[in-house]
PDB file of N, CA and C in Angstrom:
ATOM      1  N   MET A   1       0.881  -1.156  -0.021  1.00  0.00           N
ATOM      2  CA  MET A   1      -0.015   0.024  -0.009  1.00  0.00           C
ATOM      3  C   MET A   1       0.896   1.292   0.017  1.00  0.00           C
ATOM      4  N   GLY A   2       0.657   2.117  -0.984  1.00  0.00           N
ATOM      5  CA  GLY A   2       1.577   3.313  -1.066  1.00  0.00           C
ATOM      6  C   GLY A   2       0.844   4.576  -0.579  1.00  0.00           C
ATOM      7  N   GLN A   3       1.601   5.651  -0.814  1.00  0.00           N
ATOM      8  CA  GLN A   3       1.114   6.910  -0.331  1.00  0.00           C
ATOM      9  C   GLN A   3      -0.104   7.345  -1.089  1.00  0.00           C
ATOM     10  N   ALA A   4      -0.180   7.023  -2.355  1.00  0.00           N
ATOM     11  CA  ALA A   4      -1.373   7.374  -3.200  1.00  0.00           C
ATOM     12  C   ALA A   4      -2.576   6.664  -2.653  1.00  0.00           C
ATOM     13  N   ASP A   5      -2.440   5.450  -2.113  1.00  0.00           N
ATOM     14  CA  ASP A   5      -3.633   4.789  -1.451  1.00  0.00           C
ATOM     15  C   ASP A   5      -4.096   5.572  -0.248  1.00  0.00           C
ATOM     16  N   VAL A   6      -3.099   6.103   0.517  1.00  0.00           N
ATOM     17  CA  VAL A   6      -3.407   6.817   1.727  1.00  0.00           C
ATOM     18  C   VAL A   6      -4.015   8.155   1.350  1.00  0.00           C
ATOM     19  N   ASP A   7      -3.528   8.778   0.334  1.00  0.00           N
ATOM     20  CA  ASP A   7      -4.175  10.096  -0.199  1.00  0.00           C
ATOM     21  C   ASP A   7      -5.551   9.857  -0.661  1.00  0.00           C
ATOM     22  N   ALA A   8      -5.905   8.709  -1.210  1.00  0.00           N
ATOM     23  CA  ALA A   8      -7.183   8.387  -1.719  1.00  0.00           C
ATOM     24  C   ALA A   8      -8.138   7.924  -0.585  1.00  0.00           C
ATOM     25  N   GLY A   9      -7.604   7.783   0.643  1.00  0.00           N
ATOM     26  CA  GLY A   9      -8.552   7.453   1.743  1.00  0.00           C
ATOM     27  C   GLY A   9      -8.569   5.969   2.001  1.00  0.00           C
ATOM     28  N   ALA A  10      -7.714   5.177   1.318  1.00  0.00           N
ATOM     29  CA  ALA A  10      -7.748   3.710   1.423  1.00  0.00           C
ATOM     30  C   ALA A  10      -6.589   3.180   2.252  1.00  0.00           C
ATOM     31  N   GLY A  11      -5.868   4.087   2.990  1.00  0.00           N
ATOM     32  CA  GLY A  11      -4.754   3.660   3.662  1.00  0.00           C
ATOM     33  C   GLY A  11      -5.120   3.127   5.092  1.00  0.00           C
ATOM     34  N   PRO A  12      -4.114   2.726   5.885  1.00  0.00           N
ATOM     35  CA  PRO A  12      -4.432   2.230   7.202  1.00  0.00           C
ATOM     36  C   PRO A  12      -4.848   3.326   8.107  1.00  0.00           C
ATOM     37  N   LYS A  13      -5.517   3.005   9.147  1.00  0.00           N
ATOM     38  CA  LYS A  13      -6.056   3.910  10.094  1.00  0.00           C
ATOM     39  C   LYS A  13      -4.841   4.702  10.724  1.00  0.00           C
ATOM     40  N   GLY A  14      -4.974   6.014  10.773  1.00  0.00           N
ATOM     41  CA  GLY A  14      -3.981   6.889  11.330  1.00  0.00           C
ATOM     42  C   GLY A  14      -2.819   7.309  10.366  1.00  0.00           C
ATOM     43  N   ALA A  15      -2.925   6.780   9.136  1.00  0.00           N
ATOM     44  CA  ALA A  15      -1.860   7.173   8.154  1.00  0.00           C
ATOM     45  C   ALA A  15      -2.048   8.515   7.733  1.00  0.00           C
ATOM     46  N   LEU A  16      -1.057   9.267   7.477  1.00  0.00           N
ATOM     47  CA  LEU A  16      -1.116  10.637   7.115  1.00  0.00           C
ATOM     48  C   LEU A  16      -1.101  10.838   5.590  1.00  0.00           C
ATOM     49  N   THR A  17      -1.966  11.715   5.134  1.00  0.00           N
ATOM     50  CA  THR A  17      -1.988  11.994   3.680  1.00  0.00           C
ATOM     51  C   THR A  17      -0.854  12.893   3.309  1.00  0.00           C
ATOM     52  N   THR A  18      -0.503  13.036   2.070  1.00  0.00           N
ATOM     53  CA  THR A  18       0.606  13.911   1.668  1.00  0.00           C
ATOM     54  C   THR A  18       0.350  15.308   2.103  1.00  0.00           C
ATOM     55  N   ASP A  19      -0.864  15.879   2.033  1.00  0.00           N
ATOM     56  CA  ASP A  19      -1.147  17.187   2.517  1.00  0.00           C
ATOM     57  C   ASP A  19      -0.908  17.260   4.058  1.00  0.00           C
ATOM     58  N   GLU A  20      -1.348  16.280   4.791  1.00  0.00           N
ATOM     59  CA  GLU A  20      -1.157  16.278   6.285  1.00  0.00           C
ATOM     60  C   GLU A  20       0.246  16.206   6.614  1.00  0.00           C
ATOM     61  N   ARG A  21       1.032  15.456   5.910  1.00  0.00           N
ATOM     62  CA  ARG A  21       2.510  15.416   6.151  1.00  0.00           C
ATOM     63  C   ARG A  21       3.166  16.777   5.903  1.00  0.00           C
ATOM     64  N   ARG A  22       2.808  17.438   4.796  1.00  0.00           N
ATOM     65  CA  ARG A  22       3.345  18.738   4.526  1.00  0.00           C
ATOM     66  C   ARG A  22       3.031  19.711   5.596  1.00  0.00           C
ATOM     67  N   GLU A  23       1.743  19.664   5.970  1.00  0.00           N
ATOM     68  CA  GLU A  23       1.332  20.668   7.062  1.00  0.00           C
ATOM     69  C   GLU A  23       1.999  20.313   8.363  1.00  0.00           C
ATOM     70  N   LEU A  24       2.155  19.096   8.710  1.00  0.00           N
ATOM     71  CA  LEU A  24       2.797  18.692   9.941  1.00  0.00           C
ATOM     72  C   LEU A  24       4.271  19.127   9.943  1.00  0.00           C
ATOM     73  N   GLU A  25       4.917  18.967   8.813  1.00  0.00           N
ATOM     74  CA  GLU A  25       6.307  19.364   8.703  1.00  0.00           C
ATOM     75  C   GLU A  25       6.475  21.018   8.799  1.00  0.00           C
ATOM     76  N   ARG A  26       5.508  21.693   8.134  1.00  0.00           N
ATOM     77  CA  ARG A  26       5.516  23.081   8.147  1.00  0.00           C
ATOM     78  C   ARG A  26       5.366  23.637   9.600  1.00  0.00           C
ATOM     79  N   LEU A  27       4.366  22.960  10.317  1.00  0.00           N
ATOM     80  CA  LEU A  27       3.971  23.371  11.663  1.00  0.00           C
ATOM     81  C   LEU A  27       5.275  23.044  12.616  1.00  0.00           C
ATOM     82  N   ARG A  28       5.880  21.850  12.368  1.00  0.00           N
ATOM     83  CA  ARG A  28       7.025  21.539  13.219  1.00  0.00           C
ATOM     84  C   ARG A  28       8.231  22.556  13.002  1.00  0.00           C
ATOM     85  N   ARG A  29       8.389  22.936  11.722  1.00  0.00           N
ATOM     86  CA  ARG A  29       9.460  23.964  11.484  1.00  0.00           C
ATOM     87  C   ARG A  29       9.039  25.302  12.223  1.00  0.00           C
ATOM     88  N   GLU A  30       7.792  25.671  12.133  1.00  0.00           N
ATOM     89  CA  GLU A  30       7.381  26.878  12.782  1.00  0.00           C
ATOM     90  C   GLU A  30       7.553  26.866  14.255  1.00  0.00           C
ATOM     91  N   VAL A  31       7.091  25.754  14.836  1.00  0.00           N
ATOM     92  CA  VAL A  31       7.248  25.617  16.371  1.00  0.00           C
ATOM     93  C   VAL A  31       8.760  25.640  16.697  1.00  0.00           C
ATOM     94  N   LYS A  32       9.550  25.023  15.927  1.00  0.00           N
ATOM     95  CA  LYS A  32      11.025  24.948  16.234  1.00  0.00           C
ATOM     96  C   LYS A  32      11.601  26.323  16.249  1.00  0.00           C
ATOM     97  N   VAL A  33      11.191  27.144  15.201  1.00  0.00           N
ATOM     98  CA  VAL A  33      11.735  28.531  15.116  1.00  0.00           C
ATOM     99  C   VAL A  33      11.219  29.354  16.261  1.00  0.00           C
ATOM    100  N   LEU A  34       9.944  29.261  16.579  1.00  0.00           N
ATOM    101  CA  LEU A  34       9.380  30.029  17.672  1.00  0.00           C
ATOM    102  C   LEU A  34      10.105  29.592  19.011  1.00  0.00           C
ATOM    103  N   ALA A  35      10.337  28.344  19.231  1.00  0.00           N
ATOM    104  CA  ALA A  35      10.963  27.902  20.480  1.00  0.00           C
ATOM    105  C   ALA A  35      12.399  28.368  20.527  1.00  0.00           C
ATOM    106  N   MET A  36      13.100  28.398  19.369  1.00  0.00           N
ATOM    107  CA  MET A  36      14.474  28.908  19.357  1.00  0.00           C
ATOM    108  C   MET A  36      14.462  30.428  19.633  1.00  0.00           C
ATOM    109  N   GLU A  37      13.493  31.121  19.026  1.00  0.00           N
ATOM    110  CA  GLU A  37      13.430  32.551  19.233  1.00  0.00           C
ATOM    111  C   GLU A  37      13.236  32.878  20.747  1.00  0.00           C
ATOM    112  N   ARG A  38      12.331  32.151  21.331  1.00  0.00           N
ATOM    113  CA  ARG A  38      11.997  32.381  22.762  1.00  0.00           C
ATOM    114  C   ARG A  38      13.193  32.013  23.574  1.00  0.00           C
ATOM    115  N   GLU A  39      13.862  30.933  23.273  1.00  0.00           N
ATOM    116  CA  GLU A  39      15.059  30.565  24.114  1.00  0.00           C
ATOM    117  C   GLU A  39      16.247  31.526  23.949  1.00  0.00           C
ATOM    118  N   ILE A  40      16.345  31.998  22.688  1.00  0.00           N
ATOM    119  CA  ILE A  40      17.445  33.041  22.492  1.00  0.00           C
ATOM    120  C   ILE A  40      17.183  34.213  23.347  1.00  0.00           C
ATOM    121  N   LEU A  41      15.876  34.677  23.321  1.00  0.00           N
ATOM    122  CA  LEU A  41      15.585  35.883  24.215  1.00  0.00           C
ATOM    123  C   LEU A  41      15.876  35.654  25.615  1.00  0.00           C
ATOM    124  N   LYS A  42      15.432  34.426  26.125  1.00  0.00           N
ATOM    125  CA  LYS A  42      15.596  34.160  27.558  1.00  0.00           C
ATOM    126  C   LYS A  42      17.074  34.038  27.867  1.00  0.00           C
ATOM    127  N   LYS A  43      17.833  33.447  27.052  1.00  0.00           N
ATOM    128  CA  LYS A  43      19.294  33.334  27.381  1.00  0.00           C
ATOM    129  C   LYS A  43      20.055  34.646  27.137  1.00  0.00           C
ATOM    130  N   ALA A  44      19.659  35.410  26.175  1.00  0.00           N
ATOM    131  CA  ALA A  44      20.339  36.655  25.763  1.00  0.00           C
ATOM    132  C   ALA A  44      20.366  37.648  26.892  1.00  0.00           C
ATOM    133  N   THR A  45      19.314  37.658  27.735  1.00  0.00           N
ATOM    134  CA  THR A  45      19.147  38.668  28.704  1.00  0.00           C
ATOM    135  C   THR A  45      20.218  38.410  29.889  1.00  0.00           C
ATOM    136  N   ALA A  46      20.759  37.243  29.903  1.00  0.00           N
ATOM    137  CA  ALA A  46      21.862  36.954  30.854  1.00  0.00           C
ATOM    138  C   ALA A  46      23.132  37.554  30.383  1.00  0.00           C
ATOM    139  N   PHE A  47      23.330  37.812  29.071  1.00  0.00           N
ATOM    140  CA  PHE A  47      24.618  38.264  28.478  1.00  0.00           C
ATOM    141  C   PHE A  47      24.516  39.768  28.042  1.00  0.00           C
ATOM    142  N   PHE A  48      23.397  40.230  27.654  1.00  0.00           N
ATOM    143  CA  PHE A  48      23.324  41.548  27.177  1.00  0.00           C
ATOM    144  C   PHE A  48      22.280  42.295  27.778  1.00  0.00           C
ATOM    145  N   PRO A  49      22.473  43.679  27.897  1.00  0.00           N
ATOM    146  CA  PRO A  49      21.491  44.525  28.524  1.00  0.00           C
ATOM    147  C   PRO A  49      20.128  44.492  27.720  1.00  0.00           C
ATOM    148  N   VAL A  50      19.057  44.555  28.413  1.00  0.00           N
ATOM    149  CA  VAL A  50      17.731  44.539  27.735  1.00  0.00           C
ATOM    150  C   VAL A  50      17.661  45.616  26.724  1.00  0.00           C
ATOM    151  N   VAL A  51      18.111  46.858  27.051  1.00  0.00           N
ATOM    152  CA  VAL A  51      18.013  47.894  26.184  1.00  0.00           C
ATOM    153  C   VAL A  51      18.652  47.659  24.822  1.00  0.00           C
ATOM    154  N   VAL A  52      19.831  46.992  24.890  1.00  0.00           N
ATOM    155  CA  VAL A  52      20.560  46.628  23.602  1.00  0.00           C
ATOM    156  C   VAL A  52      19.785  45.612  22.802  1.00  0.00           C
ATOM    157  N   LEU A  53      19.225  44.574  23.509  1.00  0.00           N
ATOM    158  CA  LEU A  53      18.455  43.538  22.811  1.00  0.00           C
ATOM    159  C   LEU A  53      17.229  44.176  22.209  1.00  0.00           C
ATOM    160  N   CYS A  54      16.566  45.118  22.893  1.00  0.00           N
ATOM    161  CA  CYS A  54      15.354  45.733  22.362  1.00  0.00           C
ATOM    162  C   CYS A  54      15.665  46.554  21.067  1.00  0.00           C
ATOM    163  N   ARG A  55      16.782  47.274  21.171  1.00  0.00           N
ATOM    164  CA  ARG A  55      17.248  48.078  20.058  1.00  0.00           C
ATOM    165  C   ARG A  55      17.504  47.122  18.812  1.00  0.00           C
ATOM    166  N   VAL A  56      18.232  46.061  19.008  1.00  0.00           N
ATOM    167  CA  VAL A  56      18.584  45.165  17.950  1.00  0.00           C
ATOM    168  C   VAL A  56      17.356  44.478  17.369  1.00  0.00           C
ATOM    169  N   LEU A  57      16.472  44.057  18.196  1.00  0.00           N
ATOM    170  CA  LEU A  57      15.155  43.401  17.785  1.00  0.00           C
ATOM    171  C   LEU A  57      14.114  44.459  17.351  1.00  0.00           C
ATOM    172  N   GLN A  58      14.349  45.696  17.599  1.00  0.00           N
ATOM    173  CA  GLN A  58      13.462  46.721  17.174  1.00  0.00           C
ATOM    174  C   GLN A  58      12.134  46.590  17.939  1.00  0.00           C
ATOM    175  N   VAL A  59      12.166  46.367  19.244  1.00  0.00           N
ATOM    176  CA  VAL A  59      10.968  46.303  20.069  1.00  0.00           C
ATOM    177  C   VAL A  59      11.196  47.257  21.276  1.00  0.00           C
ATOM    178  N   SER A  60      10.123  47.707  21.851  1.00  0.00           N
ATOM    179  CA  SER A  60      10.163  48.618  23.003  1.00  0.00           C
ATOM    180  C   SER A  60      10.514  47.798  24.243  1.00  0.00           C
ATOM    181  N   ARG A  61      11.119  48.475  25.159  1.00  0.00           N
ATOM    182  CA  ARG A  61      11.474  47.782  26.420  1.00  0.00           C
ATOM    183  C   ARG A  61      10.170  47.407  27.139  1.00  0.00           C
ATOM    184  N   SER A  62       9.240  48.208  27.129  1.00  0.00           N
ATOM    185  CA  SER A  62       7.974  47.898  27.800  1.00  0.00           C
ATOM    186  C   SER A  62       7.311  46.669  27.112  1.00  0.00           C
ATOM    187  N   GLY A  63       7.454  46.561  25.838  1.00  0.00           N
ATOM    188  CA  GLY A  63       6.936  45.420  25.151  1.00  0.00           C
ATOM    189  C   GLY A  63       7.676  44.162  25.476  1.00  0.00           C
ATOM    190  N   PHE A  64       8.982  44.291  25.507  1.00  0.00           N
ATOM    191  CA  PHE A  64       9.819  43.087  26.006  1.00  0.00           C
ATOM    192  C   PHE A  64       9.351  42.645  27.353  1.00  0.00           C
ATOM    193  N   TYR A  65       9.287  43.529  28.271  1.00  0.00           N
ATOM    194  CA  TYR A  65       8.997  43.176  29.641  1.00  0.00           C
ATOM    195  C   TYR A  65       7.576  42.608  29.789  1.00  0.00           C
ATOM    196  N   GLU A  66       6.676  43.161  28.969  1.00  0.00           N
ATOM    197  CA  GLU A  66       5.251  42.615  28.925  1.00  0.00           C
ATOM    198  C   GLU A  66       5.331  41.149  28.435  1.00  0.00           C
ATOM    199  N   TRP A  67       6.117  40.983  27.325  1.00  0.00           N
ATOM    200  CA  TRP A  67       6.255  39.594  26.790  1.00  0.00           C
ATOM    201  C   TRP A  67       6.794  38.624  27.867  1.00  0.00           C
ATOM    202  N   ALA A  68       7.909  39.105  28.516  1.00  0.00           N
ATOM    203  CA  ALA A  68       8.559  38.234  29.444  1.00  0.00           C
ATOM    204  C   ALA A  68       7.715  37.789  30.655  1.00  0.00           C
ATOM    205  N   LYS A  69       6.782  38.603  31.063  1.00  0.00           N
ATOM    206  CA  LYS A  69       5.977  38.235  32.198  1.00  0.00           C
ATOM    207  C   LYS A  69       4.592  37.709  31.820  1.00  0.00           C
ATOM    208  N   ARG A  70       4.348  37.588  30.476  1.00  0.00           N
ATOM    209  CA  ARG A  70       3.081  37.160  29.999  1.00  0.00           C
ATOM    210  C   ARG A  70       2.742  35.721  30.493  1.00  0.00           C
ATOM    211  N   LYS A  71       1.557  35.460  30.880  1.00  0.00           N
ATOM    212  CA  LYS A  71       1.080  34.112  31.253  1.00  0.00           C
ATOM    213  C   LYS A  71       0.953  33.327  29.953  1.00  0.00           C
ATOM    214  N   PRO A  72       0.853  31.994  30.077  1.00  0.00           N
ATOM    215  CA  PRO A  72       0.641  31.174  28.872  1.00  0.00           C
ATOM    216  C   PRO A  72      -0.696  31.508  28.249  1.00  0.00           C
ATOM    217  N   SER A  73      -0.801  31.475  26.947  1.00  0.00           N
ATOM    218  CA  SER A  73      -1.988  31.807  26.213  1.00  0.00           C
ATOM    219  C   SER A  73      -3.034  30.677  26.415  1.00  0.00           C
ATOM    220  N   ALA A  74      -4.192  30.951  26.120  1.00  0.00           N
ATOM    221  CA  ALA A  74      -5.279  29.953  26.166  1.00  0.00           C
ATOM    222  C   ALA A  74      -4.898  28.713  25.323  1.00  0.00           C
ATOM    223  N   ARG A  75      -4.297  28.964  24.139  1.00  0.00           N
ATOM    224  CA  ARG A  75      -3.875  27.934  23.287  1.00  0.00           C
ATOM    225  C   ARG A  75      -2.770  27.044  23.912  1.00  0.00           C
ATOM    226  N   ASP A  76      -1.759  27.685  24.529  1.00  0.00           N
ATOM    227  CA  ASP A  76      -0.782  26.971  25.293  1.00  0.00           C
ATOM    228  C   ASP A  76      -1.368  26.076  26.413  1.00  0.00           C
ATOM    229  N   LEU A  77      -2.345  26.611  27.133  1.00  0.00           N
ATOM    230  CA  LEU A  77      -3.001  25.912  28.134  1.00  0.00           C
ATOM    231  C   LEU A  77      -3.810  24.686  27.516  1.00  0.00           C
ATOM    232  N   ARG A  78      -4.394  24.947  26.407  1.00  0.00           N
ATOM    233  CA  ARG A  78      -5.193  23.829  25.806  1.00  0.00           C
ATOM    234  C   ARG A  78      -4.231  22.744  25.280  1.00  0.00           C
ATOM    235  N   ASN A  79      -3.060  23.208  24.785  1.00  0.00           N
ATOM    236  CA  ASN A  79      -2.108  22.203  24.241  1.00  0.00           C
ATOM    237  C   ASN A  79      -1.258  21.452  25.289  1.00  0.00           C
ATOM    238  N   ALA A  80      -1.301  21.936  26.560  1.00  0.00           N
ATOM    239  CA  ALA A  80      -0.439  21.338  27.641  1.00  0.00           C
ATOM    240  C   ALA A  80      -0.738  19.906  27.835  1.00  0.00           C
ATOM    241  N   PRO A  81      -2.040  19.499  27.817  1.00  0.00           N
ATOM    242  CA  PRO A  81      -2.274  18.037  28.053  1.00  0.00           C
ATOM    243  C   PRO A  81      -1.824  17.176  26.839  1.00  0.00           C
ATOM    244  N   LEU A  82      -1.924  17.754  25.707  1.00  0.00           N
ATOM    245  CA  LEU A  82      -1.478  16.999  24.552  1.00  0.00           C
ATOM    246  C   LEU A  82       0.025  16.885  24.535  1.00  0.00           C
ATOM    247  N   ALA A  83       0.680  17.983  24.879  1.00  0.00           N
ATOM    248  CA  ALA A  83       2.173  17.913  24.912  1.00  0.00           C
ATOM    249  C   ALA A  83       2.631  16.945  25.998  1.00  0.00           C
ATOM    250  N   ALA A  84       1.929  16.811  27.115  1.00  0.00           N
ATOM    251  CA  ALA A  84       2.315  15.868  28.100  1.00  0.00           C
ATOM    252  C   ALA A  84       2.054  14.466  27.618  1.00  0.00           C
ATOM    253  N   LYS A  85       0.961  14.164  26.894  1.00  0.00           N
ATOM    254  CA  LYS A  85       0.786  12.897  26.298  1.00  0.00           C
ATOM    255  C   LYS A  85       1.809  12.470  25.307  1.00  0.00           C
ATOM    256  N   VAL A  86       2.249  13.483  24.429  1.00  0.00           N
ATOM    257  CA  VAL A  86       3.251  13.270  23.482  1.00  0.00           C
ATOM    258  C   VAL A  86       4.579  12.860  24.184  1.00  0.00           C
ATOM    259  N   ALA A  87       4.910  13.657  25.240  1.00  0.00           N
ATOM    260  CA  ALA A  87       6.113  13.293  25.965  1.00  0.00           C
ATOM    261  C   ALA A  87       6.110  11.948  26.602  1.00  0.00           C
ATOM    262  N   GLN A  88       4.877  11.565  27.127  1.00  0.00           N
ATOM    263  CA  GLN A  88       4.671  10.327  27.765  1.00  0.00           C
ATOM    264  C   GLN A  88       4.832   9.163  26.715  1.00  0.00           C
ATOM    265  N   ALA A  89       4.222   9.329  25.556  1.00  0.00           N
ATOM    266  CA  ALA A  89       4.306   8.285  24.527  1.00  0.00           C
ATOM    267  C   ALA A  89       5.815   8.162  24.004  1.00  0.00           C
ATOM    268  N   HIS A  90       6.490   9.226  23.914  1.00  0.00           N
ATOM    269  CA  HIS A  90       7.922   9.241  23.491  1.00  0.00           C
ATOM    270  C   HIS A  90       8.749   8.591  24.568  1.00  0.00           C
ATOM    271  N   GLU A  91       8.461   8.911  25.774  1.00  0.00           N
ATOM    272  CA  GLU A  91       9.275   8.300  26.938  1.00  0.00           C
ATOM    273  C   GLU A  91       8.968   6.808  27.023  1.00  0.00           C
ATOM    274  N   LYS A  92       7.699   6.438  26.856  1.00  0.00           N
ATOM    275  CA  LYS A  92       7.346   5.071  26.930  1.00  0.00           C
ATOM    276  C   LYS A  92       8.139   4.212  25.977  1.00  0.00           C
ATOM    277  N   SER A  93       8.335   4.773  24.775  1.00  0.00           N
ATOM    278  CA  SER A  93       9.137   4.101  23.689  1.00  0.00           C
ATOM    279  C   SER A  93      10.627   4.151  23.941  1.00  0.00           C
ATOM    280  N   ARG A  94      11.114   4.692  25.091  1.00  0.00           N
ATOM    281  CA  ARG A  94      12.424   4.849  25.422  1.00  0.00           C
ATOM    282  C   ARG A  94      13.165   5.746  24.362  1.00  0.00           C
ATOM    283  N   GLY A  95      12.379   6.698  23.909  1.00  0.00           N
ATOM    284  CA  GLY A  95      12.881   7.729  23.057  1.00  0.00           C
ATOM    285  C   GLY A  95      13.069   7.198  21.548  1.00  0.00           C
ATOM    286  N   THR A  96      12.505   6.044  21.269  1.00  0.00           N
ATOM    287  CA  THR A  96      12.713   5.495  19.858  1.00  0.00           C
ATOM    288  C   THR A  96      11.598   5.846  18.953  1.00  0.00           C
ATOM    289  N   TYR A  97      10.423   6.283  19.401  1.00  0.00           N
ATOM    290  CA  TYR A  97       9.305   6.660  18.506  1.00  0.00           C
ATOM    291  C   TYR A  97       9.485   7.994  17.921  1.00  0.00           C
ATOM    292  N   GLY A  98       9.367   8.132  16.617  1.00  0.00           N
ATOM    293  CA  GLY A  98       9.312   9.351  15.918  1.00  0.00           C
ATOM    294  C   GLY A  98       7.838   9.884  15.924  1.00  0.00           C
ATOM    295  N   SER A  99       7.706  11.051  15.273  1.00  0.00           N
ATOM    296  CA  SER A  99       6.316  11.644  15.258  1.00  0.00           C
ATOM    297  C   SER A  99       5.283  10.773  14.678  1.00  0.00           C
ATOM    298  N   PRO A 100       5.494   9.957  13.605  1.00  0.00           N
ATOM    299  CA  PRO A 100       4.358   9.176  13.098  1.00  0.00           C
ATOM    300  C   PRO A 100       3.964   8.141  14.058  1.00  0.00           C
ATOM    301  N   ARG A 101       4.897   7.463  14.727  1.00  0.00           N
ATOM    302  CA  ARG A 101       4.484   6.405  15.719  1.00  0.00           C
ATOM    303  C   ARG A 101       3.931   7.027  16.972  1.00  0.00           C
ATOM    304  N   VAL A 102       4.420   8.175  17.396  1.00  0.00           N
ATOM    305  CA  VAL A 102       3.778   8.859  18.585  1.00  0.00           C
ATOM    306  C   VAL A 102       2.397   9.199  18.263  1.00  0.00           C
ATOM    307  N   ARG A 103       2.114   9.769  17.016  1.00  0.00           N
ATOM    308  CA  ARG A 103       0.756  10.058  16.652  1.00  0.00           C
ATOM    309  C   ARG A 103      -0.164   8.851  16.648  1.00  0.00           C
ATOM    310  N   MET A 104       0.310   7.743  16.149  1.00  0.00           N
ATOM    311  CA  MET A 104      -0.476   6.479  16.139  1.00  0.00           C
ATOM    312  C   MET A 104      -0.772   6.038  17.578  1.00  0.00           C
ATOM    313  N   GLU A 105       0.230   6.153  18.426  1.00  0.00           N
ATOM    314  CA  GLU A 105       0.023   5.765  19.837  1.00  0.00           C
ATOM    315  C   GLU A 105      -0.964   6.697  20.512  1.00  0.00           C
ATOM    316  N   LEU A 106      -0.892   7.951  20.240  1.00  0.00           N
ATOM    317  CA  LEU A 106      -1.895   8.922  20.815  1.00  0.00           C
ATOM    318  C   LEU A 106      -3.310   8.561  20.364  1.00  0.00           C
ATOM    319  N   ARG A 107      -3.440   8.300  19.039  1.00  0.00           N
ATOM    320  CA  ARG A 107      -4.737   8.007  18.444  1.00  0.00           C
ATOM    321  C   ARG A 107      -5.278   6.645  19.031  1.00  0.00           C
ATOM    322  N   ALA A 108      -4.422   5.691  19.234  1.00  0.00           N
ATOM    323  CA  ALA A 108      -4.813   4.387  19.743  1.00  0.00           C
ATOM    324  C   ALA A 108      -5.241   4.508  21.164  1.00  0.00           C
ATOM    325  N   ARG A 109      -4.554   5.281  21.963  1.00  0.00           N
ATOM    326  CA  ARG A 109      -4.878   5.298  23.372  1.00  0.00           C
ATOM    327  C   ARG A 109      -5.805   6.313  23.862  1.00  0.00           C
ATOM    328  N   TRP A 110      -5.839   7.560  23.244  1.00  0.00           N
ATOM    329  CA  TRP A 110      -6.643   8.599  23.823  1.00  0.00           C
ATOM    330  C   TRP A 110      -7.650   9.324  22.856  1.00  0.00           C
ATOM    331  N   TRP A 111      -7.549   9.035  21.623  1.00  0.00           N
ATOM    332  CA  TRP A 111      -8.309   9.854  20.750  1.00  0.00           C
ATOM    333  C   TRP A 111      -9.716   9.316  20.502  1.00  0.00           C
ATOM    334  N   VAL A 112     -10.744  10.143  20.666  1.00  0.00           N
ATOM    335  CA  VAL A 112     -12.088   9.792  20.325  1.00  0.00           C
ATOM    336  C   VAL A 112     -12.630  10.917  19.472  1.00  0.00           C
ATOM    337  N   GLY A 113     -13.046  10.620  18.311  1.00  0.00           N
ATOM    338  CA  GLY A 113     -13.537  11.712  17.397  1.00  0.00           C
ATOM    339  C   GLY A 113     -12.447  12.656  17.097  1.00  0.00           C
ATOM    340  N   SER A 114     -12.666  13.872  17.422  1.00  0.00           N
ATOM    341  CA  SER A 114     -11.673  14.946  17.221  1.00  0.00           C
ATOM    342  C   SER A 114     -11.178  15.498  18.579  1.00  0.00           C
ATOM    343  N   SER A 115     -11.386  14.734  19.639  1.00  0.00           N
ATOM    344  CA  SER A 115     -10.865  15.330  20.896  1.00  0.00           C
ATOM    345  C   SER A 115     -10.034  14.278  21.634  1.00  0.00           C
ATOM    346  N   LEU A 116      -9.098  14.840  22.417  1.00  0.00           N
ATOM    347  CA  LEU A 116      -8.180  14.045  23.143  1.00  0.00           C
ATOM    348  C   LEU A 116      -8.691  13.831  24.523  1.00  0.00           C
ATOM    349  N   LEU A 117      -8.753  12.610  24.979  1.00  0.00           N
ATOM    350  CA  LEU A 117      -9.337  12.374  26.318  1.00  0.00           C
ATOM    351  C   LEU A 117      -8.286  12.525  27.382  1.00  0.00           C
ATOM    352  N   GLY A 118      -8.695  13.000  28.519  1.00  0.00           N
ATOM    353  CA  GLY A 118      -7.682  13.300  29.570  1.00  0.00           C
ATOM    354  C   GLY A 118      -7.537  12.235  30.576  1.00  0.00           C
TER     355      GLY A 118
END
């Protein structure tokens, strides 16, 4: 059974279509960049004055401090249980599962319809 079968809806349960794979890869890259940017800013404040960072990044100091003390967004809070389940599935596999197998594990254990059970 090939990718064309999966794209046509005849693939195994939980198999990703080509479009889903592309979107997943794009979202992973986006998350990775955002995480790096956040980590850079957190670490940079230990080495550089905030005023210099703000000038280089072209943001206001008040905006930086507002960002730094901001509470997690509603989306972050909604995604936290899923992130914990992803980490749990990855850990259960002793770090050997990649994203396709983690996804199948999540769907097999917790997914009902379009919602993740807690």
